[in-house]
Amino acid sequence: MTSCLGVGVICAAGKYGQSGATSASAATCSDCQPGKFASVAGLSACSDCEAGKFAGASSASTCSGQCFVGTFSNTPGAKPLSVCQACEAGKFSSNEGASACNSCLGGKFSSTKWGSSPDVCSACVAGKHSSAAEGSTTCIDCQQGKYSYGGSSSCDLCSSGTYSDSS
């Protein structure tokens, strides 16, 4: 079997070869750069590590580094662990290698960065709410004439003949 390098050279995993080489001197293998990998031998290019994972060294055959829980990276081809960012307040990441953080659900909030599980999200108390559309960092008081039970994502109008003077 001859290789595309034309001289029988097949680059090892973690390395890549220049395609179209016509002589032994031109048939060289190069290391994949940090942030890239070649999982099998004989590739002509290295691939970017997926977001949330990284290869910090040259000649990587896998992207074995991952962002820790409570952090994420949305950058493909990341090199060092330093590209992992903390999940902001109102969000969390319970898996290693996350490319994004999850938001606290409606009716819950978190004022803590680096959230590593949904448990960092606390339920809003009665009379307060938080939106279901975003990771809330606080709960908002219901307006006068409205109420909510604990853990609510919105406030309801008081029934006829009742009132709420909370503001």
Foldseek 3Di string as FASTA:
>chain_A
DAAQLRPRDKAAWQWAFAGPHDDPVRTDIGGAAWQWTGQGIRHHHTHGAAWQFTGQHISHNHRPGGADWQWTGLDTSDHDNVRTGGAAWQWTGQDTSHHHTHGQAKQWTALDISHRDSVNTHGAAKQWIAARPGRHHDTHGAAWQWIGHISHNHTHGDDPPDTGPTD
